Amino acid sequence: MAEPRIPPVLDLEGPAAPPQRNGELVFDAVWEGRLFGLTMALHEAGRFEWEEFRARLIAEIAHWERQHDSTERWSFYERWEAALEGLLADKGLCPREELDGREGVLAARAPGHDH
């Protein structure tokens, strides 16, 4: 029998806190919500511990902040994506080459095709 999963605890403040408005999560694009859902599903399926992902996310944010100045466009979910991709690759769940290949296939689809 599999061990019960410890539910993730999202940071409500600090560097790993997702964008919120009136206490609710905010997604500016469809892909952001899908990425969030995918991350939660992978965690719930036991593919990684939440703290592993959280630490990666904080590191990705810190890396971006060291490489860019405060006037540059910022995307929390781009950092989230980088953290998840790195974690999946390092765990051997989805190698970077496979991610890159899938990204290319998806990017080549006709505009407006969002499924």
PDB file of N, CA and C in Angstrom:
ATOM      1  N   MET A   1       0.847  -1.180   0.000  1.00  0.00           N
ATOM      2  CA  MET A   1       0.000   0.000   0.000  1.00  0.00           C
ATOM      3  C   MET A   1       0.894   1.246   0.000  1.00  0.00           C
ATOM      4  N   ALA A   2       0.564   2.185  -0.851  1.00  0.00           N
ATOM      5  CA  ALA A   2       1.349   3.415  -0.956  1.00  0.00           C
ATOM      6  C   ALA A   2       1.101   4.301   0.253  1.00  0.00           C
ATOM      7  N   GLU A   3       2.160   5.015   0.614  1.00  0.00           N
ATOM      8  CA  GLU A   3       2.018   5.956   1.720  1.00  0.00           C
ATOM      9  C   GLU A   3       1.135   7.119   1.289  1.00  0.00           C
ATOM     10  N   PRO A   4       0.311   7.642   2.204  1.00  0.00           N
ATOM     11  CA  PRO A   4      -0.504   8.796   1.840  1.00  0.00           C
ATOM     12  C   PRO A   4       0.389  10.001   1.562  1.00  0.00           C
ATOM     13  N   ARG A   5       0.027  10.773   0.579  1.00  0.00           N
ATOM     14  CA  ARG A   5       0.789  11.954   0.196  1.00  0.00           C
ATOM     15  C   ARG A   5       0.491  13.086   1.167  1.00  0.00           C
ATOM     16  N   ILE A   6       1.524  13.800   1.519  1.00  0.00           N
ATOM     17  CA  ILE A   6       1.353  15.006   2.323  1.00  0.00           C
ATOM     18  C   ILE A   6       0.957  16.116   1.368  1.00  0.00           C
ATOM     19  N   PRO A   7      -0.191  16.740   1.578  1.00  0.00           N
ATOM     20  CA  PRO A   7      -0.616  17.781   0.643  1.00  0.00           C
ATOM     21  C   PRO A   7       0.367  18.946   0.640  1.00  0.00           C
ATOM     22  N   PRO A   8       0.576  19.538  -0.539  1.00  0.00           N
ATOM     23  CA  PRO A   8       1.486  20.683  -0.601  1.00  0.00           C
ATOM     24  C   PRO A   8       0.908  21.866   0.162  1.00  0.00           C
ATOM     25  N   VAL A   9       1.798  22.622   0.744  1.00  0.00           N
ATOM     26  CA  VAL A   9       1.390  23.855   1.412  1.00  0.00           C
ATOM     27  C   VAL A   9       2.010  24.997   0.616  1.00  0.00           C
ATOM     28  N   LEU A  10       1.174  25.710  -0.111  1.00  0.00           N
ATOM     29  CA  LEU A  10       1.661  26.827  -0.901  1.00  0.00           C
ATOM     30  C   LEU A  10       2.059  27.967   0.017  1.00  0.00           C
ATOM     31  N   ASP A  11       3.182  28.575  -0.293  1.00  0.00           N
ATOM     32  CA  ASP A  11       3.576  29.774   0.441  1.00  0.00           C
ATOM     33  C   ASP A  11       2.589  30.884   0.105  1.00  0.00           C
ATOM     34  N   LEU A  12       2.133  31.587   1.102  1.00  0.00           N
ATOM     35  CA  LEU A  12       1.249  32.722   0.860  1.00  0.00           C
ATOM     36  C   LEU A  12       2.018  34.030   0.847  1.00  0.00           C
ATOM     37  N   GLU A  13       3.235  33.971   1.349  1.00  0.00           N
ATOM     38  CA  GLU A  13       4.126  35.130   1.345  1.00  0.00           C
ATOM     39  C   GLU A  13       5.524  34.613   1.029  1.00  0.00           C
ATOM     40  N   GLY A  14       6.415  35.494   0.691  1.00  0.00           N
ATOM     41  CA  GLY A  14       7.796  35.103   0.451  1.00  0.00           C
ATOM     42  C   GLY A  14       8.064  34.783  -0.999  1.00  0.00           C
ATOM     43  N   PRO A  15       9.281  34.300  -1.278  1.00  0.00           N
ATOM     44  CA  PRO A  15       9.702  34.140  -2.669  1.00  0.00           C
ATOM     45  C   PRO A  15       8.947  33.078  -3.459  1.00  0.00           C
ATOM     46  N   ALA A  16       8.381  32.086  -2.808  1.00  0.00           N
ATOM     47  CA  ALA A  16       7.680  31.025  -3.530  1.00  0.00           C
ATOM     48  C   ALA A  16       6.169  31.236  -3.563  1.00  0.00           C
ATOM     49  N   ALA A  17       5.696  32.393  -3.145  1.00  0.00           N
ATOM     50  CA  ALA A  17       4.258  32.662  -3.119  1.00  0.00           C
ATOM     51  C   ALA A  17       3.742  32.952  -4.525  1.00  0.00           C
ATOM     52  N   PRO A  18       2.765  32.173  -5.010  1.00  0.00           N
ATOM     53  CA  PRO A  18       2.212  32.434  -6.334  1.00  0.00           C
ATOM     54  C   PRO A  18       1.384  33.718  -6.348  1.00  0.00           C
ATOM     55  N   PRO A  19       1.199  34.290  -7.537  1.00  0.00           N
ATOM     56  CA  PRO A  19       0.382  35.508  -7.635  1.00  0.00           C
ATOM     57  C   PRO A  19      -1.031  35.263  -7.102  1.00  0.00           C
ATOM     58  N   GLN A  20      -1.514  36.239  -6.353  1.00  0.00           N
ATOM     59  CA  GLN A  20      -2.843  36.140  -5.762  1.00  0.00           C
ATOM     60  C   GLN A  20      -3.561  37.474  -5.884  1.00  0.00           C
ATOM     61  N   ARG A  21      -4.869  37.399  -5.909  1.00  0.00           N
ATOM     62  CA  ARG A  21      -5.714  38.586  -5.859  1.00  0.00           C
ATOM     63  C   ARG A  21      -6.900  38.235  -4.963  1.00  0.00           C
ATOM     64  N   ASN A  22      -7.110  39.018  -3.927  1.00  0.00           N
ATOM     65  CA  ASN A  22      -8.185  38.768  -2.973  1.00  0.00           C
ATOM     66  C   ASN A  22      -8.114  37.360  -2.387  1.00  0.00           C
ATOM     67  N   GLY A  23      -6.891  36.885  -2.143  1.00  0.00           N
ATOM     68  CA  GLY A  23      -6.701  35.581  -1.530  1.00  0.00           C
ATOM     69  C   GLY A  23      -6.849  34.400  -2.467  1.00  0.00           C
ATOM     70  N   GLU A  24      -7.073  34.648  -3.748  1.00  0.00           N
ATOM     71  CA  GLU A  24      -7.236  33.581  -4.736  1.00  0.00           C
ATOM     72  C   GLU A  24      -6.038  33.569  -5.677  1.00  0.00           C
ATOM     73  N   LEU A  25      -5.656  32.373  -6.136  1.00  0.00           N
ATOM     74  CA  LEU A  25      -4.577  32.277  -7.111  1.00  0.00           C
ATOM     75  C   LEU A  25      -4.986  32.968  -8.400  1.00  0.00           C
ATOM     76  N   VAL A  26      -4.020  33.601  -9.056  1.00  0.00           N
ATOM     77  CA  VAL A  26      -4.268  34.321 -10.301  1.00  0.00           C
ATOM     78  C   VAL A  26      -3.393  33.730 -11.392  1.00  0.00           C
ATOM     79  N   PHE A  27      -4.015  33.396 -12.510  1.00  0.00           N
ATOM     80  CA  PHE A  27      -3.296  32.912 -13.687  1.00  0.00           C
ATOM     81  C   PHE A  27      -3.597  33.881 -14.824  1.00  0.00           C
ATOM     82  N   ASP A  28      -2.552  34.488 -15.380  1.00  0.00           N
ATOM     83  CA  ASP A  28      -2.738  35.457 -16.457  1.00  0.00           C
ATOM     84  C   ASP A  28      -2.909  34.799 -17.813  1.00  0.00           C
ATOM     85  N   ALA A  29      -2.562  33.532 -17.922  1.00  0.00           N
ATOM     86  CA  ALA A  29      -2.687  32.806 -19.185  1.00  0.00           C
ATOM     87  C   ALA A  29      -3.124  31.372 -18.877  1.00  0.00           C
ATOM     88  N   VAL A  30      -3.759  30.762 -19.850  1.00  0.00           N
ATOM     89  CA  VAL A  30      -4.251  29.392 -19.677  1.00  0.00           C
ATOM     90  C   VAL A  30      -3.112  28.444 -19.317  1.00  0.00           C
ATOM     91  N   TRP A  31      -1.962  28.602 -19.960  1.00  0.00           N
ATOM     92  CA  TRP A  31      -0.845  27.685 -19.713  1.00  0.00           C
ATOM     93  C   TRP A  31      -0.391  27.729 -18.259  1.00  0.00           C
ATOM     94  N   GLU A  32      -0.521  28.877 -17.603  1.00  0.00           N
ATOM     95  CA  GLU A  32      -0.099  28.981 -16.207  1.00  0.00           C
ATOM     96  C   GLU A  32      -0.960  28.095 -15.307  1.00  0.00           C
ATOM     97  N   GLY A  33      -2.257  28.143 -15.504  1.00  0.00           N
ATOM     98  CA  GLY A  33      -3.153  27.288 -14.723  1.00  0.00           C
ATOM     99  C   GLY A  33      -2.920  25.816 -14.998  1.00  0.00           C
ATOM    100  N   ARG A  34      -2.661  25.492 -16.259  1.00  0.00           N
ATOM    101  CA  ARG A  34      -2.395  24.096 -16.612  1.00  0.00           C
ATOM    102  C   ARG A  34      -1.083  23.616 -15.988  1.00  0.00           C
ATOM    103  N   LEU A  35      -0.076  24.470 -16.014  1.00  0.00           N
ATOM    104  CA  LEU A  35       1.205  24.134 -15.406  1.00  0.00           C
ATOM    105  C   LEU A  35       1.051  23.910 -13.904  1.00  0.00           C
ATOM    106  N   PHE A  36       0.286  24.770 -13.260  1.00  0.00           N
ATOM    107  CA  PHE A  36       0.014  24.625 -11.831  1.00  0.00           C
ATOM    108  C   PHE A  36      -0.670  23.281 -11.566  1.00  0.00           C
ATOM    109  N   GLY A  37      -1.708  22.983 -12.345  1.00  0.00           N
ATOM    110  CA  GLY A  37      -2.432  21.723 -12.170  1.00  0.00           C
ATOM    111  C   GLY A  37      -1.565  20.505 -12.421  1.00  0.00           C
ATOM    112  N   LEU A  38      -0.723  20.567 -13.442  1.00  0.00           N
ATOM    113  CA  LEU A  38       0.184  19.473 -13.745  1.00  0.00           C
ATOM    114  C   LEU A  38       1.148  19.242 -12.589  1.00  0.00           C
ATOM    115  N   THR A  39       1.677  20.325 -12.052  1.00  0.00           N
ATOM    116  CA  THR A  39       2.603  20.215 -10.923  1.00  0.00           C
ATOM    117  C   THR A  39       1.923  19.548  -9.732  1.00  0.00           C
ATOM    118  N   MET A  40       0.720  19.988  -9.420  1.00  0.00           N
ATOM    119  CA  MET A  40      -0.009  19.402  -8.292  1.00  0.00           C
ATOM    120  C   MET A  40      -0.306  17.926  -8.543  1.00  0.00           C
ATOM    121  N   ALA A  41      -0.690  17.575  -9.763  1.00  0.00           N
ATOM    122  CA  ALA A  41      -1.001  16.174 -10.078  1.00  0.00           C
ATOM    123  C   ALA A  41       0.245  15.298  -9.959  1.00  0.00           C
ATOM    124  N   LEU A  42       1.389  15.789 -10.437  1.00  0.00           N
ATOM    125  CA  LEU A  42       2.625  15.022 -10.326  1.00  0.00           C
ATOM    126  C   LEU A  42       3.036  14.825  -8.864  1.00  0.00           C
ATOM    127  N   HIS A  43       2.863  15.864  -8.074  1.00  0.00           N
ATOM    128  CA  HIS A  43       3.173  15.730  -6.647  1.00  0.00           C
ATOM    129  C   HIS A  43       2.238  14.711  -5.990  1.00  0.00           C
ATOM    130  N   GLU A  44       0.949  14.842  -6.253  1.00  0.00           N
ATOM    131  CA  GLU A  44      -0.026  13.928  -5.647  1.00  0.00           C
ATOM    132  C   GLU A  44       0.201  12.484  -6.094  1.00  0.00           C
ATOM    133  N   ALA A  45       0.773  12.304  -7.295  1.00  0.00           N
ATOM    134  CA  ALA A  45       1.071  10.957  -7.794  1.00  0.00           C
ATOM    135  C   ALA A  45       2.370  10.409  -7.202  1.00  0.00           C
ATOM    136  N   GLY A  46       3.025  11.203  -6.361  1.00  0.00           N
ATOM    137  CA  GLY A  46       4.226  10.731  -5.693  1.00  0.00           C
ATOM    138  C   GLY A  46       5.502  10.868  -6.497  1.00  0.00           C
ATOM    139  N   ARG A  47       5.491  11.682  -7.534  1.00  0.00           N
ATOM    140  CA  ARG A  47       6.677  11.834  -8.379  1.00  0.00           C
ATOM    141  C   ARG A  47       7.767  12.663  -7.716  1.00  0.00           C
ATOM    142  N   PHE A  48       7.378  13.528  -6.777  1.00  0.00           N
ATOM    143  CA  PHE A  48       8.353  14.326  -6.030  1.00  0.00           C
ATOM    144  C   PHE A  48       7.699  14.844  -4.761  1.00  0.00           C
ATOM    145  N   GLU A  49       8.541  15.179  -3.807  1.00  0.00           N
ATOM    146  CA  GLU A  49       8.064  15.789  -2.563  1.00  0.00           C
ATOM    147  C   GLU A  49       7.877  17.277  -2.797  1.00  0.00           C
ATOM    148  N   TRP A  50       6.896  17.845  -2.145  1.00  0.00           N
ATOM    149  CA  TRP A  50       6.604  19.255  -2.342  1.00  0.00           C
ATOM    150  C   TRP A  50       7.805  20.129  -2.003  1.00  0.00           C
ATOM    151  N   GLU A  51       8.502  19.809  -0.927  1.00  0.00           N
ATOM    152  CA  GLU A  51       9.637  20.635  -0.515  1.00  0.00           C
ATOM    153  C   GLU A  51      10.744  20.625  -1.561  1.00  0.00           C
ATOM    154  N   GLU A  52      10.893  19.501  -2.285  1.00  0.00           N
ATOM    155  CA  GLU A  52      11.868  19.452  -3.384  1.00  0.00           C
ATOM    156  C   GLU A  52      11.532  20.508  -4.434  1.00  0.00           C
ATOM    157  N   PHE A  53      10.256  20.539  -4.818  1.00  0.00           N
ATOM    158  CA  PHE A  53       9.834  21.506  -5.832  1.00  0.00           C
ATOM    159  C   PHE A  53       9.957  22.928  -5.299  1.00  0.00           C
ATOM    160  N   ARG A  54       9.503  23.149  -4.092  1.00  0.00           N
ATOM    161  CA  ARG A  54       9.534  24.485  -3.487  1.00  0.00           C
ATOM    162  C   ARG A  54      10.958  25.038  -3.448  1.00  0.00           C
ATOM    163  N   ALA A  55      11.914  24.204  -3.047  1.00  0.00           N
ATOM    164  CA  ALA A  55      13.314  24.636  -2.998  1.00  0.00           C
ATOM    165  C   ALA A  55      13.815  24.994  -4.393  1.00  0.00           C
ATOM    166  N   ARG A  56      13.429  24.207  -5.394  1.00  0.00           N
ATOM    167  CA  ARG A  56      13.813  24.508  -6.779  1.00  0.00           C
ATOM    168  C   ARG A  56      13.221  25.826  -7.238  1.00  0.00           C
ATOM    169  N   LEU A  57      11.970  26.042  -6.904  1.00  0.00           N
ATOM    170  CA  LEU A  57      11.303  27.278  -7.305  1.00  0.00           C
ATOM    171  C   LEU A  57      12.006  28.487  -6.692  1.00  0.00           C
ATOM    172  N   ILE A  58      12.302  28.419  -5.419  1.00  0.00           N
ATOM    173  CA  ILE A  58      13.002  29.526  -4.755  1.00  0.00           C
ATOM    174  C   ILE A  58      14.361  29.758  -5.411  1.00  0.00           C
ATOM    175  N   ALA A  59      15.074  28.688  -5.731  1.00  0.00           N
ATOM    176  CA  ALA A  59      16.380  28.820  -6.383  1.00  0.00           C
ATOM    177  C   ALA A  59      16.246  29.431  -7.772  1.00  0.00           C
ATOM    178  N   GLU A  60      15.217  29.043  -8.532  1.00  0.00           N
ATOM    179  CA  GLU A  60      15.000  29.607  -9.868  1.00  0.00           C
ATOM    180  C   GLU A  60      14.694  31.101  -9.789  1.00  0.00           C
ATOM    181  N   ILE A  61      13.894  31.484  -8.817  1.00  0.00           N
ATOM    182  CA  ILE A  61      13.567  32.901  -8.641  1.00  0.00           C
ATOM    183  C   ILE A  61      14.820  33.686  -8.285  1.00  0.00           C
ATOM    184  N   ALA A  62      15.603  33.157  -7.359  1.00  0.00           N
ATOM    185  CA  ALA A  62      16.844  33.828  -6.952  1.00  0.00           C
ATOM    186  C   ALA A  62      17.810  33.947  -8.125  1.00  0.00           C
ATOM    187  N   HIS A  63      17.908  32.903  -8.929  1.00  0.00           N
ATOM    188  CA  HIS A  63      18.777  32.931 -10.107  1.00  0.00           C
ATOM    189  C   HIS A  63      18.333  34.030 -11.074  1.00  0.00           C
ATOM    190  N   TRP A  64      17.041  34.102 -11.331  1.00  0.00           N
ATOM    191  CA  TRP A  64      16.523  35.136 -12.233  1.00  0.00           C
ATOM    192  C   TRP A  64      16.844  36.526 -11.676  1.00  0.00           C
ATOM    193  N   GLU A  65      16.632  36.714 -10.386  1.00  0.00           N
ATOM    194  CA  GLU A  65      16.883  38.021  -9.777  1.00  0.00           C
ATOM    195  C   GLU A  65      18.354  38.411  -9.862  1.00  0.00           C
ATOM    196  N   ARG A  66      19.265  37.454  -9.777  1.00  0.00           N
ATOM    197  CA  ARG A  66      20.697  37.756  -9.910  1.00  0.00           C
ATOM    198  C   ARG A  66      21.071  38.123 -11.339  1.00  0.00           C
ATOM    199  N   GLN A  67      20.342  37.566 -12.313  1.00  0.00           N
ATOM    200  CA  GLN A  67      20.677  37.760 -13.722  1.00  0.00           C
ATOM    201  C   GLN A  67      19.964  38.948 -14.373  1.00  0.00           C
ATOM    202  N   HIS A  68      18.964  39.523 -13.736  1.00  0.00           N
ATOM    203  CA  HIS A  68      18.143  40.584 -14.339  1.00  0.00           C
ATOM    204  C   HIS A  68      17.983  41.744 -13.368  1.00  0.00           C
ATOM    205  N   ASP A  69      17.725  42.906 -13.923  1.00  0.00           N
ATOM    206  CA  ASP A  69      17.451  44.027 -13.027  1.00  0.00           C
ATOM    207  C   ASP A  69      15.945  44.148 -12.799  1.00  0.00           C
ATOM    208  N   SER A  70      15.573  44.925 -11.821  1.00  0.00           N
ATOM    209  CA  SER A  70      14.177  44.992 -11.378  1.00  0.00           C
ATOM    210  C   SER A  70      13.244  45.633 -12.394  1.00  0.00           C
ATOM    211  N   THR A  71      13.772  46.230 -13.468  1.00  0.00           N
ATOM    212  CA  THR A  71      12.898  46.842 -14.475  1.00  0.00           C
ATOM    213  C   THR A  71      12.500  45.864 -15.572  1.00  0.00           C
ATOM    214  N   GLU A  72      13.118  44.693 -15.604  1.00  0.00           N
ATOM    215  CA  GLU A  72      12.808  43.711 -16.648  1.00  0.00           C
ATOM    216  C   GLU A  72      11.506  42.986 -16.353  1.00  0.00           C
ATOM    217  N   ARG A  73      10.848  42.552 -17.431  1.00  0.00           N
ATOM    218  CA  ARG A  73       9.581  41.832 -17.315  1.00  0.00           C
ATOM    219  C   ARG A  73       9.798  40.555 -16.501  1.00  0.00           C
ATOM    220  N   TRP A  74       8.919  40.311 -15.580  1.00  0.00           N
ATOM    221  CA  TRP A  74       8.999  39.190 -14.637  1.00  0.00           C
ATOM    222  C   TRP A  74       7.798  38.276 -14.824  1.00  0.00           C
ATOM    223  N   SER A  75       8.015  36.979 -14.808  1.00  0.00           N
ATOM    224  CA  SER A  75       6.918  36.013 -14.867  1.00  0.00           C
ATOM    225  C   SER A  75       7.156  34.932 -13.819  1.00  0.00           C
ATOM    226  N   PHE A  76       6.332  34.916 -12.803  1.00  0.00           N
ATOM    227  CA  PHE A  76       6.432  33.907 -11.752  1.00  0.00           C
ATOM    228  C   PHE A  76       6.308  32.508 -12.347  1.00  0.00           C
ATOM    229  N   TYR A  77       5.345  32.323 -13.252  1.00  0.00           N
ATOM    230  CA  TYR A  77       5.114  30.982 -13.776  1.00  0.00           C
ATOM    231  C   TYR A  77       6.171  30.539 -14.776  1.00  0.00           C
ATOM    232  N   GLU A  78       6.930  31.437 -15.359  1.00  0.00           N
ATOM    233  CA  GLU A  78       8.095  31.021 -16.144  1.00  0.00           C
ATOM    234  C   GLU A  78       9.155  30.432 -15.216  1.00  0.00           C
ATOM    235  N   ARG A  79       9.302  30.998 -14.030  1.00  0.00           N
ATOM    236  CA  ARG A  79      10.239  30.440 -13.050  1.00  0.00           C
ATOM    237  C   ARG A  79       9.709  29.098 -12.546  1.00  0.00           C
ATOM    238  N   TRP A  80       8.402  29.020 -12.326  1.00  0.00           N
ATOM    239  CA  TRP A  80       7.762  27.769 -11.890  1.00  0.00           C
ATOM    240  C   TRP A  80       8.033  26.679 -12.930  1.00  0.00           C
ATOM    241  N   GLU A  81       7.855  27.014 -14.211  1.00  0.00           N
ATOM    242  CA  GLU A  81       8.096  26.070 -15.296  1.00  0.00           C
ATOM    243  C   GLU A  81       9.547  25.587 -15.294  1.00  0.00           C
ATOM    244  N   ALA A  82      10.490  26.512 -15.151  1.00  0.00           N
ATOM    245  CA  ALA A  82      11.903  26.146 -15.124  1.00  0.00           C
ATOM    246  C   ALA A  82      12.205  25.219 -13.946  1.00  0.00           C
ATOM    247  N   ALA A  83      11.610  25.505 -12.792  1.00  0.00           N
ATOM    248  CA  ALA A  83      11.824  24.655 -11.614  1.00  0.00           C
ATOM    249  C   ALA A  83      11.269  23.256 -11.847  1.00  0.00           C
ATOM    250  N   LEU A  84      10.078  23.164 -12.401  1.00  0.00           N
ATOM    251  CA  LEU A  84       9.472  21.852 -12.644  1.00  0.00           C
ATOM    252  C   LEU A  84      10.252  21.081 -13.696  1.00  0.00           C
ATOM    253  N   GLU A  85      10.629  21.736 -14.784  1.00  0.00           N
ATOM    254  CA  GLU A  85      11.392  21.057 -15.832  1.00  0.00           C
ATOM    255  C   GLU A  85      12.713  20.512 -15.285  1.00  0.00           C
ATOM    256  N   GLY A  86      13.410  21.316 -14.506  1.00  0.00           N
ATOM    257  CA  GLY A  86      14.672  20.869 -13.928  1.00  0.00           C
ATOM    258  C   GLY A  86      14.487  19.690 -12.994  1.00  0.00           C
ATOM    259  N   LEU A  87      13.456  19.741 -12.183  1.00  0.00           N
ATOM    260  CA  LEU A  87      13.184  18.652 -11.245  1.00  0.00           C
ATOM    261  C   LEU A  87      12.841  17.369 -11.987  1.00  0.00           C
ATOM    262  N   LEU A  88      11.977  17.462 -12.992  1.00  0.00           N
ATOM    263  CA  LEU A  88      11.591  16.275 -13.755  1.00  0.00           C
ATOM    264  C   LEU A  88      12.785  15.679 -14.495  1.00  0.00           C
ATOM    265  N   ALA A  89      13.635  16.533 -15.044  1.00  0.00           N
ATOM    266  CA  ALA A  89      14.821  16.050 -15.757  1.00  0.00           C
ATOM    267  C   ALA A  89      15.790  15.377 -14.786  1.00  0.00           C
ATOM    268  N   ASP A  90      16.045  16.011 -13.660  1.00  0.00           N
ATOM    269  CA  ASP A  90      16.996  15.451 -12.698  1.00  0.00           C
ATOM    270  C   ASP A  90      16.508  14.137 -12.100  1.00  0.00           C
ATOM    271  N   LYS A  91      15.215  13.956 -11.995  1.00  0.00           N
ATOM    272  CA  LYS A  91      14.661  12.711 -11.471  1.00  0.00           C
ATOM    273  C   LYS A  91      14.513  11.650 -12.561  1.00  0.00           C
ATOM    274  N   GLY A  92      14.837  12.014 -13.807  1.00  0.00           N
ATOM    275  CA  GLY A  92      14.727  11.074 -14.913  1.00  0.00           C
ATOM    276  C   GLY A  92      13.299  10.824 -15.358  1.00  0.00           C
ATOM    277  N   LEU A  93      12.381  11.690 -14.960  1.00  0.00           N
ATOM    278  CA  LEU A  93      10.973  11.519 -15.325  1.00  0.00           C
ATOM    279  C   LEU A  93      10.681  12.050 -16.724  1.00  0.00           C
ATOM    280  N   CYS A  94      11.415  13.053 -17.139  1.00  0.00           N
ATOM    281  CA  CYS A  94      11.234  13.630 -18.468  1.00  0.00           C
ATOM    282  C   CYS A  94      12.527  14.357 -18.835  1.00  0.00           C
ATOM    283  N   PRO A  95      13.395  13.690 -19.594  1.00  0.00           N
ATOM    284  CA  PRO A  95      14.676  14.305 -19.959  1.00  0.00           C
ATOM    285  C   PRO A  95      14.486  15.614 -20.720  1.00  0.00           C
ATOM    286  N   ARG A  96      15.440  16.508 -20.577  1.00  0.00           N
ATOM    287  CA  ARG A  96      15.357  17.818 -21.231  1.00  0.00           C
ATOM    288  C   ARG A  96      15.171  17.693 -22.741  1.00  0.00           C
ATOM    289  N   GLU A  97      15.818  16.718 -23.355  1.00  0.00           N
ATOM    290  CA  GLU A  97      15.683  16.542 -24.808  1.00  0.00           C
ATOM    291  C   GLU A  97      14.233  16.249 -25.176  1.00  0.00           C
ATOM    292  N   GLU A  98      13.573  15.444 -24.347  1.00  0.00           N
ATOM    293  CA  GLU A  98      12.174  15.122 -24.610  1.00  0.00           C
ATOM    294  C   GLU A  98      11.302  16.353 -24.415  1.00  0.00           C
ATOM    295  N   LEU A  99      11.574  17.126 -23.365  1.00  0.00           N
ATOM    296  CA  LEU A  99      10.828  18.364 -23.147  1.00  0.00           C
ATOM    297  C   LEU A  99      11.002  19.315 -24.329  1.00  0.00           C
ATOM    298  N   ASP A 100      12.247  19.471 -24.775  1.00  0.00           N
ATOM    299  CA  ASP A 100      12.519  20.360 -25.905  1.00  0.00           C
ATOM    300  C   ASP A 100      11.783  19.886 -27.153  1.00  0.00           C
ATOM    301  N   GLY A 101      11.778  18.582 -27.396  1.00  0.00           N
ATOM    302  CA  GLY A 101      11.086  18.032 -28.561  1.00  0.00           C
ATOM    303  C   GLY A 101       9.590  18.266 -28.496  1.00  0.00           C
ATOM    304  N   ARG A 102       9.023  18.024 -27.338  1.00  0.00           N
ATOM    305  CA  ARG A 102       7.580  18.238 -27.183  1.00  0.00           C
ATOM    306  C   ARG A 102       7.224  19.713 -27.324  1.00  0.00           C
ATOM    307  N   GLU A 103       8.076  20.575 -26.776  1.00  0.00           N
ATOM    308  CA  GLU A 103       7.841  22.014 -26.888  1.00  0.00           C
ATOM    309  C   GLU A 103       7.831  22.430 -28.357  1.00  0.00           C
ATOM    310  N   GLY A 104       8.758  21.892 -29.136  1.00  0.00           N
ATOM    311  CA  GLY A 104       8.815  22.208 -30.561  1.00  0.00           C
ATOM    312  C   GLY A 104       7.570  21.767 -31.297  1.00  0.00           C
ATOM    313  N   VAL A 105       7.082  20.568 -30.995  1.00  0.00           N
ATOM    314  CA  VAL A 105       5.864  20.062 -31.632  1.00  0.00           C
ATOM    315  C   VAL A 105       4.680  20.956 -31.285  1.00  0.00           C
ATOM    316  N   LEU A 106       4.556  21.310 -30.019  1.00  0.00           N
ATOM    317  CA  LEU A 106       3.437  22.152 -29.601  1.00  0.00           C
ATOM    318  C   LEU A 106       3.526  23.544 -30.213  1.00  0.00           C
ATOM    319  N   ALA A 107       4.730  24.089 -30.269  1.00  0.00           N
ATOM    320  CA  ALA A 107       4.906  25.427 -30.827  1.00  0.00           C
ATOM    321  C   ALA A 107       4.594  25.467 -32.320  1.00  0.00           C
ATOM    322  N   ALA A 108       4.730  24.343 -33.014  1.00  0.00           N
ATOM    323  CA  ALA A 108       4.494  24.300 -34.450  1.00  0.00           C
ATOM    324  C   ALA A 108       3.010  24.186 -34.808  1.00  0.00           C
ATOM    325  N   ARG A 109       2.155  24.001 -33.824  1.00  0.00           N
ATOM    326  CA  ARG A 109       0.718  23.885 -34.117  1.00  0.00           C
ATOM    327  C   ARG A 109       0.153  25.212 -34.586  1.00  0.00           C
ATOM    328  N   ALA A 110      -0.953  25.129 -35.263  1.00  0.00           N
ATOM    329  CA  ALA A 110      -1.610  26.327 -35.798  1.00  0.00           C
ATOM    330  C   ALA A 110      -2.035  27.265 -34.674  1.00  0.00           C
ATOM    331  N   PRO A 111      -1.976  28.589 -34.919  1.00  0.00           N
ATOM    332  CA  PRO A 111      -2.441  29.542 -33.903  1.00  0.00           C
ATOM    333  C   PRO A 111      -3.881  29.254 -33.509  1.00  0.00           C
ATOM    334  N   GLY A 112      -4.158  29.433 -32.235  1.00  0.00           N
ATOM    335  CA  GLY A 112      -5.508  29.215 -31.723  1.00  0.00           C
ATOM    336  C   GLY A 112      -5.774  27.783 -31.290  1.00  0.00           C
ATOM    337  N   HIS A 113      -4.848  26.900 -31.557  1.00  0.00           N
ATOM    338  CA  HIS A 113      -5.005  25.509 -31.144  1.00  0.00           C
ATOM    339  C   HIS A 113      -4.454  25.391 -29.732  1.00  0.00           C
ATOM    340  N   ASP A 114      -5.330  25.369 -28.751  1.00  0.00           N
ATOM    341  CA  ASP A 114      -4.871  25.412 -27.354  1.00  0.00           C
ATOM    342  C   ASP A 114      -5.155  24.133 -26.586  1.00  0.00           C
ATOM    343  N   HIS A 115      -5.367  23.035 -27.253  1.00  0.00           N
ATOM    344  CA  HIS A 115      -5.642  21.784 -26.535  1.00  0.00           C
ATOM    345  C   HIS A 115      -4.489  20.840 -26.681  1.00  0.00           C
TER     346      HIS A 115
END
